[in-house]
Amino acid sequence: LIYSTPGWGKTTLVSSMPSPVIIDAEDGALDDNVATIKVNTYPEVEDALRALITEEHKFKTVIIDTTSAVEKMIYDVVCEEHHVKSVESIGYAKGFFFAMTYWEKIIDGMGKLREKGIATVFSAHSEIKTINSPTTDPYDKFVLKLHKHPAARLTEWADIIMFGENRVIVAEVGEGFNKKKKGIGAGERVLYTEDRPAFLAKQKSGFMLPPEIISPKDNGWKVV
């Protein structure tokens, strides 16, 4: 599972993975040399996974780009089934639980691909959430831009969660009363692989990735 700050280059990174095909739910695929399956509805996501599971092909990596776009497609299906305009209109937050049925189908499909020796990847957006911990003061953290139920399920499912961000250095500028702190980009594109208070990341035991990886814009996966 790879997520990042806006414009960091998730799609560019996953495009450099071995023999990739992108299930493109968001018009995010930029490289004409990368195979894509364009999907506009949830049934088309299922159809794409089914074809990749059952048909012969040479792809070694399957990427769903992005989870936010797929989430909207799932909500559209749930709303249509229950004849409502918004998933929140289904009482007692039941709509979000109904949506999990479709997430489980996608995860099951990705699992079947993994059983065939194909790497499976979800690409996701980030958002900043305030964490109210019982042991510390509240603090802000980058998390998946996704409803809490699928976010928790995908966090559990993934062997590796990487968070991408451009490294920022904070410097003091000005003098006296005009002195202030200013964020300065250092130009380094960083992938984080271990959880920190500032962001969600993860690697299961057995993986030995460094906690930070400098990821060049071109062919970034080779570094990983």
C-alpha atoms as a PDB file:
ATOM      1  CA  LEU A   1       0.000   0.000   0.000  1.00  0.00           C
ATOM      2  CA  ILE A   2       1.572   3.260  -1.146  1.00  0.00           C
ATOM      3  CA  TYR A   3       0.160   6.666  -0.228  1.00  0.00           C
ATOM      4  CA  SER A   4       1.620  10.148  -0.304  1.00  0.00           C
ATOM      5  CA  THR A   5       1.134  13.870  -0.127  1.00  0.00           C
ATOM      6  CA  PRO A   6      -0.506  15.419  -3.254  1.00  0.00           C
ATOM      7  CA  GLY A   7       1.684  15.568  -6.341  1.00  0.00           C
ATOM      8  CA  TRP A   8       4.441  13.423  -4.855  1.00  0.00           C
ATOM      9  CA  GLY A   9       4.330  10.934  -7.724  1.00  0.00           C
ATOM     10  CA  LYS A  10       2.640   7.714  -6.578  1.00  0.00           C
ATOM     11  CA  THR A  11       1.605   6.724 -10.080  1.00  0.00           C
ATOM     12  CA  THR A  12       5.083   7.395 -11.447  1.00  0.00           C
ATOM     13  CA  LEU A  13       6.573   5.197  -8.717  1.00  0.00           C
ATOM     14  CA  VAL A  14       4.225   2.251  -9.268  1.00  0.00           C
ATOM     15  CA  SER A  15       4.740   2.557 -13.027  1.00  0.00           C
ATOM     16  CA  SER A  16       8.384   1.574 -12.445  1.00  0.00           C
ATOM     17  CA  MET A  17       7.447  -1.704 -10.745  1.00  0.00           C
ATOM     18  CA  PRO A  18       8.121  -5.008 -12.581  1.00  0.00           C
ATOM     19  CA  SER A  19       5.814  -5.540 -15.618  1.00  0.00           C
ATOM     20  CA  PRO A  20       2.969  -3.441 -14.173  1.00  0.00           C
ATOM     21  CA  VAL A  21      -0.657  -3.051 -15.143  1.00  0.00           C
ATOM     22  CA  ILE A  22      -2.651  -0.264 -13.515  1.00  0.00           C
ATOM     23  CA  ILE A  23      -6.367  -0.620 -12.848  1.00  0.00           C
ATOM     24  CA  ASP A  24      -6.926   3.083 -13.393  1.00  0.00           C
ATOM     25  CA  ALA A  25      -9.905   4.426 -11.474  1.00  0.00           C
ATOM     26  CA  GLU A  26      -8.720   8.019 -11.414  1.00  0.00           C
ATOM     27  CA  ASP A  27      -7.027   8.922 -14.720  1.00  0.00           C
ATOM     28  CA  GLY A  28      -3.765   8.856 -12.822  1.00  0.00           C
ATOM     29  CA  ALA A  29      -1.660   6.811 -15.248  1.00  0.00           C
ATOM     30  CA  LEU A  30       0.734   9.214 -16.978  1.00  0.00           C
ATOM     31  CA  ASP A  31       3.128   6.968 -18.867  1.00  0.00           C
ATOM     32  CA  ASP A  32       1.841   5.748 -22.234  1.00  0.00           C
ATOM     33  CA  ASN A  33       4.269   2.826 -21.981  1.00  0.00           C
ATOM     34  CA  VAL A  34       2.494   1.419 -18.906  1.00  0.00           C
ATOM     35  CA  ALA A  35      -0.439  -0.935 -19.461  1.00  0.00           C
ATOM     36  CA  THR A  36      -3.696   0.344 -17.979  1.00  0.00           C
ATOM     37  CA  ILE A  37      -7.233  -0.927 -17.584  1.00  0.00           C
ATOM     38  CA  LYS A  38      -9.523   2.089 -17.335  1.00  0.00           C
ATOM     39  CA  VAL A  39     -12.467   1.579 -14.963  1.00  0.00           C
ATOM     40  CA  ASN A  40     -15.369   3.950 -14.316  1.00  0.00           C
ATOM     41  CA  THR A  41     -17.638   1.809 -12.103  1.00  0.00           C
ATOM     42  CA  TYR A  42     -17.251  -0.789  -9.366  1.00  0.00           C
ATOM     43  CA  PRO A  43     -18.399  -3.708 -11.605  1.00  0.00           C
ATOM     44  CA  GLU A  44     -15.601  -2.758 -14.014  1.00  0.00           C
ATOM     45  CA  VAL A  45     -13.085  -3.067 -11.148  1.00  0.00           C
ATOM     46  CA  GLU A  46     -14.358  -6.589 -10.498  1.00  0.00           C
ATOM     47  CA  ASP A  47     -14.222  -7.410 -14.210  1.00  0.00           C
ATOM     48  CA  ALA A  48     -10.615  -6.208 -14.436  1.00  0.00           C
ATOM     49  CA  LEU A  49      -9.546  -8.310 -11.447  1.00  0.00           C
ATOM     50  CA  ARG A  50     -11.412 -11.353 -12.773  1.00  0.00           C
ATOM     51  CA  ALA A  51      -9.681 -11.074 -16.157  1.00  0.00           C
ATOM     52  CA  LEU A  52      -6.250 -10.730 -14.547  1.00  0.00           C
ATOM     53  CA  ILE A  53      -6.936 -13.766 -12.336  1.00  0.00           C
ATOM     54  CA  THR A  54      -8.298 -16.080 -15.031  1.00  0.00           C
ATOM     55  CA  GLU A  55      -6.643 -15.038 -18.301  1.00  0.00           C
ATOM     56  CA  GLU A  56      -3.073 -15.585 -19.451  1.00  0.00           C
ATOM     57  CA  HIS A  57      -0.853 -12.498 -19.312  1.00  0.00           C
ATOM     58  CA  LYS A  58       2.714 -11.432 -18.574  1.00  0.00           C
ATOM     59  CA  PHE A  59       2.027  -8.851 -15.879  1.00  0.00           C
ATOM     60  CA  LYS A  60       3.986  -9.228 -12.635  1.00  0.00           C
ATOM     61  CA  THR A  61       2.434  -6.337 -10.711  1.00  0.00           C
ATOM     62  CA  VAL A  62      -1.223  -5.257 -10.451  1.00  0.00           C
ATOM     63  CA  ILE A  63      -1.924  -1.783  -9.070  1.00  0.00           C
ATOM     64  CA  ILE A  64      -5.288  -0.304  -8.113  1.00  0.00           C
ATOM     65  CA  ASP A  65      -5.062   3.484  -8.452  1.00  0.00           C
ATOM     66  CA  THR A  66      -6.573   4.908  -6.236  1.00  0.00           C
ATOM     67  CA  THR A  67      -8.489   3.689  -3.201  1.00  0.00           C
ATOM     68  CA  SER A  68     -10.370   7.009  -2.941  1.00  0.00           C
ATOM     69  CA  ALA A  69     -11.723   6.630  -6.473  1.00  0.00           C
ATOM     70  CA  VAL A  70     -12.733   3.012  -5.829  1.00  0.00           C
ATOM     71  CA  GLU A  71     -14.418   4.043  -2.586  1.00  0.00           C
ATOM     72  CA  LYS A  72     -16.645   6.491  -4.479  1.00  0.00           C
ATOM     73  CA  MET A  73     -17.560   3.736  -6.970  1.00  0.00           C
ATOM     74  CA  ILE A  74     -18.490   1.408  -4.104  1.00  0.00           C
ATOM     75  CA  TYR A  75     -20.680   4.084  -2.504  1.00  0.00           C
ATOM     76  CA  ASP A  76     -22.452   4.557  -5.846  1.00  0.00           C
ATOM     77  CA  VAL A  77     -23.330   0.838  -5.892  1.00  0.00           C
ATOM     78  CA  VAL A  78     -24.522   0.873  -2.262  1.00  0.00           C
ATOM     79  CA  CYS A  79     -26.685   3.950  -2.908  1.00  0.00           C
ATOM     80  CA  GLU A  80     -28.207   2.382  -6.014  1.00  0.00           C
ATOM     81  CA  GLU A  81     -29.028  -0.837  -4.161  1.00  0.00           C
ATOM     82  CA  HIS A  82     -30.739   1.017  -1.317  1.00  0.00           C
ATOM     83  CA  HIS A  83     -32.356   3.744  -3.448  1.00  0.00           C
ATOM     84  CA  VAL A  84     -30.709   6.647  -1.643  1.00  0.00           C
ATOM     85  CA  LYS A  85     -28.637   9.582  -2.849  1.00  0.00           C
ATOM     86  CA  SER A  86     -25.987   9.394  -0.128  1.00  0.00           C
ATOM     87  CA  VAL A  87     -24.452   6.443   1.688  1.00  0.00           C
ATOM     88  CA  GLU A  88     -24.920   8.406   4.912  1.00  0.00           C
ATOM     89  CA  SER A  89     -28.678   8.324   4.373  1.00  0.00           C
ATOM     90  CA  ILE A  90     -28.756   4.633   5.278  1.00  0.00           C
ATOM     91  CA  GLY A  91     -29.490   4.618   9.003  1.00  0.00           C
ATOM     92  CA  TYR A  92     -27.042   3.974  11.834  1.00  0.00           C
ATOM     93  CA  ALA A  93     -23.975   4.127   9.534  1.00  0.00           C
ATOM     94  CA  LYS A  94     -25.090   0.868   7.923  1.00  0.00           C
ATOM     95  CA  GLY A  95     -24.081   2.144   4.498  1.00  0.00           C
ATOM     96  CA  PHE A  96     -20.409   2.055   5.442  1.00  0.00           C
ATOM     97  CA  PHE A  97     -20.756  -1.544   6.633  1.00  0.00           C
ATOM     98  CA  PHE A  98     -22.523  -2.494   3.383  1.00  0.00           C
ATOM     99  CA  ALA A  99     -19.594  -0.944   1.516  1.00  0.00           C
ATOM    100  CA  MET A 100     -17.166  -3.302   3.263  1.00  0.00           C
ATOM    101  CA  THR A 101     -18.735  -6.242   1.404  1.00  0.00           C
ATOM    102  CA  TYR A 102     -17.349  -4.819  -1.831  1.00  0.00           C
ATOM    103  CA  TRP A 103     -13.978  -3.991  -0.318  1.00  0.00           C
ATOM    104  CA  GLU A 104     -13.679  -7.615   0.786  1.00  0.00           C
ATOM    105  CA  LYS A 105     -14.373  -8.758  -2.781  1.00  0.00           C
ATOM    106  CA  ILE A 106     -11.549  -6.565  -4.057  1.00  0.00           C
ATOM    107  CA  ILE A 107      -9.166  -7.742  -1.347  1.00  0.00           C
ATOM    108  CA  ASP A 108     -10.092 -11.346  -2.119  1.00  0.00           C
ATOM    109  CA  GLY A 109      -9.335 -10.751  -5.793  1.00  0.00           C
ATOM    110  CA  MET A 110      -5.988  -9.193  -4.969  1.00  0.00           C
ATOM    111  CA  GLY A 111      -5.278 -12.191  -2.744  1.00  0.00           C
ATOM    112  CA  LYS A 112      -5.941 -14.588  -5.618  1.00  0.00           C
ATOM    113  CA  LEU A 113      -3.474 -12.623  -7.755  1.00  0.00           C
ATOM    114  CA  ARG A 114      -0.885 -12.848  -4.996  1.00  0.00           C
ATOM    115  CA  GLU A 115      -1.376 -16.626  -4.875  1.00  0.00           C
ATOM    116  CA  LYS A 116      -0.435 -16.654  -8.569  1.00  0.00           C
ATOM    117  CA  GLY A 117       2.865 -14.933  -7.734  1.00  0.00           C
ATOM    118  CA  ILE A 118       1.760 -11.482  -8.835  1.00  0.00           C
ATOM    119  CA  ALA A 119       2.611  -8.464  -6.668  1.00  0.00           C
ATOM    120  CA  THR A 120      -0.484  -6.516  -5.611  1.00  0.00           C
ATOM    121  CA  VAL A 121      -0.505  -2.818  -4.802  1.00  0.00           C
ATOM    122  CA  PHE A 122      -3.045  -0.248  -3.669  1.00  0.00           C
ATOM    123  CA  SER A 123      -2.271   3.417  -4.363  1.00  0.00           C
ATOM    124  CA  ALA A 124      -3.920   5.895  -1.995  1.00  0.00           C
ATOM    125  CA  HIS A 125      -4.186   9.566  -1.127  1.00  0.00           C
ATOM    126  CA  SER A 126      -3.255  10.989   2.268  1.00  0.00           C
ATOM    127  CA  GLU A 127      -4.942  13.334   4.698  1.00  0.00           C
ATOM    128  CA  ILE A 128      -3.954  14.799   8.055  1.00  0.00           C
ATOM    129  CA  LYS A 129      -5.900  13.529  11.057  1.00  0.00           C
ATOM    130  CA  THR A 130      -5.691  14.621  14.678  1.00  0.00           C
ATOM    131  CA  ILE A 131      -4.920  11.650  16.926  1.00  0.00           C
ATOM    132  CA  ASN A 132      -6.426  11.807  20.409  1.00  0.00           C
ATOM    133  CA  SER A 133      -4.246   9.412  22.364  1.00  0.00           C
ATOM    134  CA  PRO A 134      -5.007   8.504  25.998  1.00  0.00           C
ATOM    135  CA  THR A 135      -1.276   8.654  26.812  1.00  0.00           C
ATOM    136  CA  THR A 136      -0.199  11.871  25.027  1.00  0.00           C
ATOM    137  CA  ASP A 137      -1.492  15.259  24.001  1.00  0.00           C
ATOM    138  CA  PRO A 138      -3.358  15.298  20.658  1.00  0.00           C
ATOM    139  CA  TYR A 139      -1.102  15.318  17.609  1.00  0.00           C
ATOM    140  CA  ASP A 140      -1.490  15.390  13.825  1.00  0.00           C
ATOM    141  CA  LYS A 141      -0.653  12.412  11.616  1.00  0.00           C
ATOM    142  CA  PHE A 142      -0.717  11.611   7.890  1.00  0.00           C
ATOM    143  CA  VAL A 143      -3.169   8.728   7.346  1.00  0.00           C
ATOM    144  CA  LEU A 144      -5.044   7.177   4.430  1.00  0.00           C
ATOM    145  CA  LYS A 145      -7.720   9.392   2.906  1.00  0.00           C
ATOM    146  CA  LEU A 146     -10.362   6.720   3.317  1.00  0.00           C
ATOM    147  CA  HIS A 147     -13.254   5.839   5.609  1.00  0.00           C
ATOM    148  CA  LYS A 148     -12.005   4.249   8.822  1.00  0.00           C
ATOM    149  CA  HIS A 149     -13.363   0.752   8.049  1.00  0.00           C
ATOM    150  CA  PRO A 150     -11.611   0.126   4.702  1.00  0.00           C
ATOM    151  CA  ALA A 151      -8.574   2.056   5.978  1.00  0.00           C
ATOM    152  CA  ALA A 152      -8.243  -0.336   8.921  1.00  0.00           C
ATOM    153  CA  ARG A 153      -8.814  -3.390   6.711  1.00  0.00           C
ATOM    154  CA  LEU A 154      -6.217  -2.355   4.128  1.00  0.00           C
ATOM    155  CA  THR A 155      -3.745  -1.468   6.885  1.00  0.00           C
ATOM    156  CA  GLU A 156      -4.167  -4.986   8.256  1.00  0.00           C
ATOM    157  CA  TRP A 157      -4.002  -6.578   4.784  1.00  0.00           C
ATOM    158  CA  ALA A 158      -0.832  -4.959   3.506  1.00  0.00           C
ATOM    159  CA  ASP A 159       2.595  -6.501   4.072  1.00  0.00           C
ATOM    160  CA  ILE A 160       4.192  -3.115   3.472  1.00  0.00           C
ATOM    161  CA  ILE A 161       2.777   0.396   3.785  1.00  0.00           C
ATOM    162  CA  MET A 162       4.912   3.202   2.373  1.00  0.00           C
ATOM    163  CA  PHE A 163       4.302   6.913   2.829  1.00  0.00           C
ATOM    164  CA  GLY A 164       5.811   9.314   0.288  1.00  0.00           C
ATOM    165  CA  GLU A 165       6.657  12.926   1.043  1.00  0.00           C
ATOM    166  CA  ASN A 166       9.055  15.607  -0.161  1.00  0.00           C
ATOM    167  CA  ARG A 167      11.521  16.263   2.633  1.00  0.00           C
ATOM    168  CA  VAL A 168      11.125  19.716   4.167  1.00  0.00           C
ATOM    169  CA  ILE A 169      13.734  21.617   6.173  1.00  0.00           C
ATOM    170  CA  VAL A 170      12.486  24.305   8.558  1.00  0.00           C
ATOM    171  CA  ALA A 171      14.751  27.355   8.666  1.00  0.00           C
ATOM    172  CA  GLU A 172      14.553  30.669  10.515  1.00  0.00           C
ATOM    173  CA  VAL A 173      14.453  33.772   8.317  1.00  0.00           C
ATOM    174  CA  GLY A 174      14.499  37.450   9.226  1.00  0.00           C
ATOM    175  CA  GLU A 175      15.776  39.158  12.358  1.00  0.00           C
ATOM    176  CA  GLY A 176      14.414  40.361  15.665  1.00  0.00           C
ATOM    177  CA  PHE A 177      10.626  40.621  15.844  1.00  0.00           C
ATOM    178  CA  ASN A 178      10.447  39.746  12.136  1.00  0.00           C
ATOM    179  CA  LYS A 179      12.125  36.387  12.667  1.00  0.00           C
ATOM    180  CA  LYS A 180       9.937  33.485  11.608  1.00  0.00           C
ATOM    181  CA  LYS A 181      10.195  29.853  10.596  1.00  0.00           C
ATOM    182  CA  LYS A 182       9.858  28.868   6.956  1.00  0.00           C
ATOM    183  CA  GLY A 183       9.586  25.443   5.336  1.00  0.00           C
ATOM    184  CA  ILE A 184      12.161  24.882   2.602  1.00  0.00           C
ATOM    185  CA  GLY A 185      11.944  21.876   0.295  1.00  0.00           C
ATOM    186  CA  ALA A 186      15.215  19.947   0.111  1.00  0.00           C
ATOM    187  CA  GLY A 187      14.313  18.329  -3.196  1.00  0.00           C
ATOM    188  CA  GLU A 188      14.440  14.795  -1.808  1.00  0.00           C
ATOM    189  CA  ARG A 189      11.510  12.474  -2.447  1.00  0.00           C
ATOM    190  CA  VAL A 190      11.350  10.177   0.584  1.00  0.00           C
ATOM    191  CA  LEU A 191       9.510   6.896   1.156  1.00  0.00           C
ATOM    192  CA  TYR A 192       8.959   5.990   4.802  1.00  0.00           C
ATOM    193  CA  THR A 193       8.467   2.321   5.716  1.00  0.00           C
ATOM    194  CA  GLU A 194       8.154   2.371   9.530  1.00  0.00           C
ATOM    195  CA  ASP A 195       5.353   3.923  11.559  1.00  0.00           C
ATOM    196  CA  ARG A 196       6.005   7.255  13.260  1.00  0.00           C
ATOM    197  CA  PRO A 197       3.783   9.721  15.133  1.00  0.00           C
ATOM    198  CA  ALA A 198       3.755  11.905  11.993  1.00  0.00           C
ATOM    199  CA  PHE A 199       2.629   9.217   9.515  1.00  0.00           C
ATOM    200  CA  LEU A 200       1.299   5.689   9.065  1.00  0.00           C
ATOM    201  CA  ALA A 201       3.793   3.179   7.655  1.00  0.00           C
ATOM    202  CA  LYS A 202       4.494  -0.515   8.151  1.00  0.00           C
ATOM    203  CA  GLN A 203       6.542  -3.512   7.155  1.00  0.00           C
ATOM    204  CA  LYS A 204       5.795  -6.992   8.452  1.00  0.00           C
ATOM    205  CA  SER A 205       8.516  -9.050  10.097  1.00  0.00           C
ATOM    206  CA  GLY A 206      10.827 -10.632   7.568  1.00  0.00           C
ATOM    207  CA  PHE A 207      11.169  -7.474   5.494  1.00  0.00           C
ATOM    208  CA  MET A 208      14.339  -5.458   6.001  1.00  0.00           C
ATOM    209  CA  LEU A 209      13.675  -2.167   4.260  1.00  0.00           C
ATOM    210  CA  PRO A 210      15.373   0.878   5.795  1.00  0.00           C
ATOM    211  CA  PRO A 211      12.980   3.262   7.565  1.00  0.00           C
ATOM    212  CA  GLU A 212      13.656   5.944   4.920  1.00  0.00           C
ATOM    213  CA  ILE A 213      14.323   5.467   1.201  1.00  0.00           C
ATOM    214  CA  ILE A 214      15.295   8.319  -1.110  1.00  0.00           C
ATOM    215  CA  SER A 215      13.173   7.686  -4.213  1.00  0.00           C
ATOM    216  CA  PRO A 216      14.223   9.343  -7.485  1.00  0.00           C
ATOM    217  CA  LYS A 217      11.388  10.458  -9.732  1.00  0.00           C
ATOM    218  CA  ASP A 218      12.468   8.147 -12.563  1.00  0.00           C
ATOM    219  CA  ASN A 219      12.677   4.371 -11.973  1.00  0.00           C
ATOM    220  CA  GLY A 220      12.143   4.882  -8.256  1.00  0.00           C
ATOM    221  CA  TRP A 221      11.188   1.261  -7.634  1.00  0.00           C
ATOM    222  CA  LYS A 222      14.653   0.069  -8.630  1.00  0.00           C
ATOM    223  CA  VAL A 223      15.996   1.814  -5.537  1.00  0.00           C
ATOM    224  CA  VAL A 224      13.401   0.093  -3.358  1.00  0.00           C
END
